[in-house]
């Protein structure tokens, strides 16, 4: 697995967690933006994993 894929997955989890925290503490707009970015990073990492599996690199 590529280090970039791991970094994207980590950024996705961190972004979503920070977004949930900000949403809970009253900064709703910032929380929603961070959760959206976190989900985007997760989708990108899952697409990269799927491509690597299809190419036989996993």
Foldseek 3Di string as FASTA:
>chain_A
DDPVLVVLLVQLVVLQVVLVVCCVVPNNVSSVVSNVSSVVSNVVSVVVVVVCVVVVND
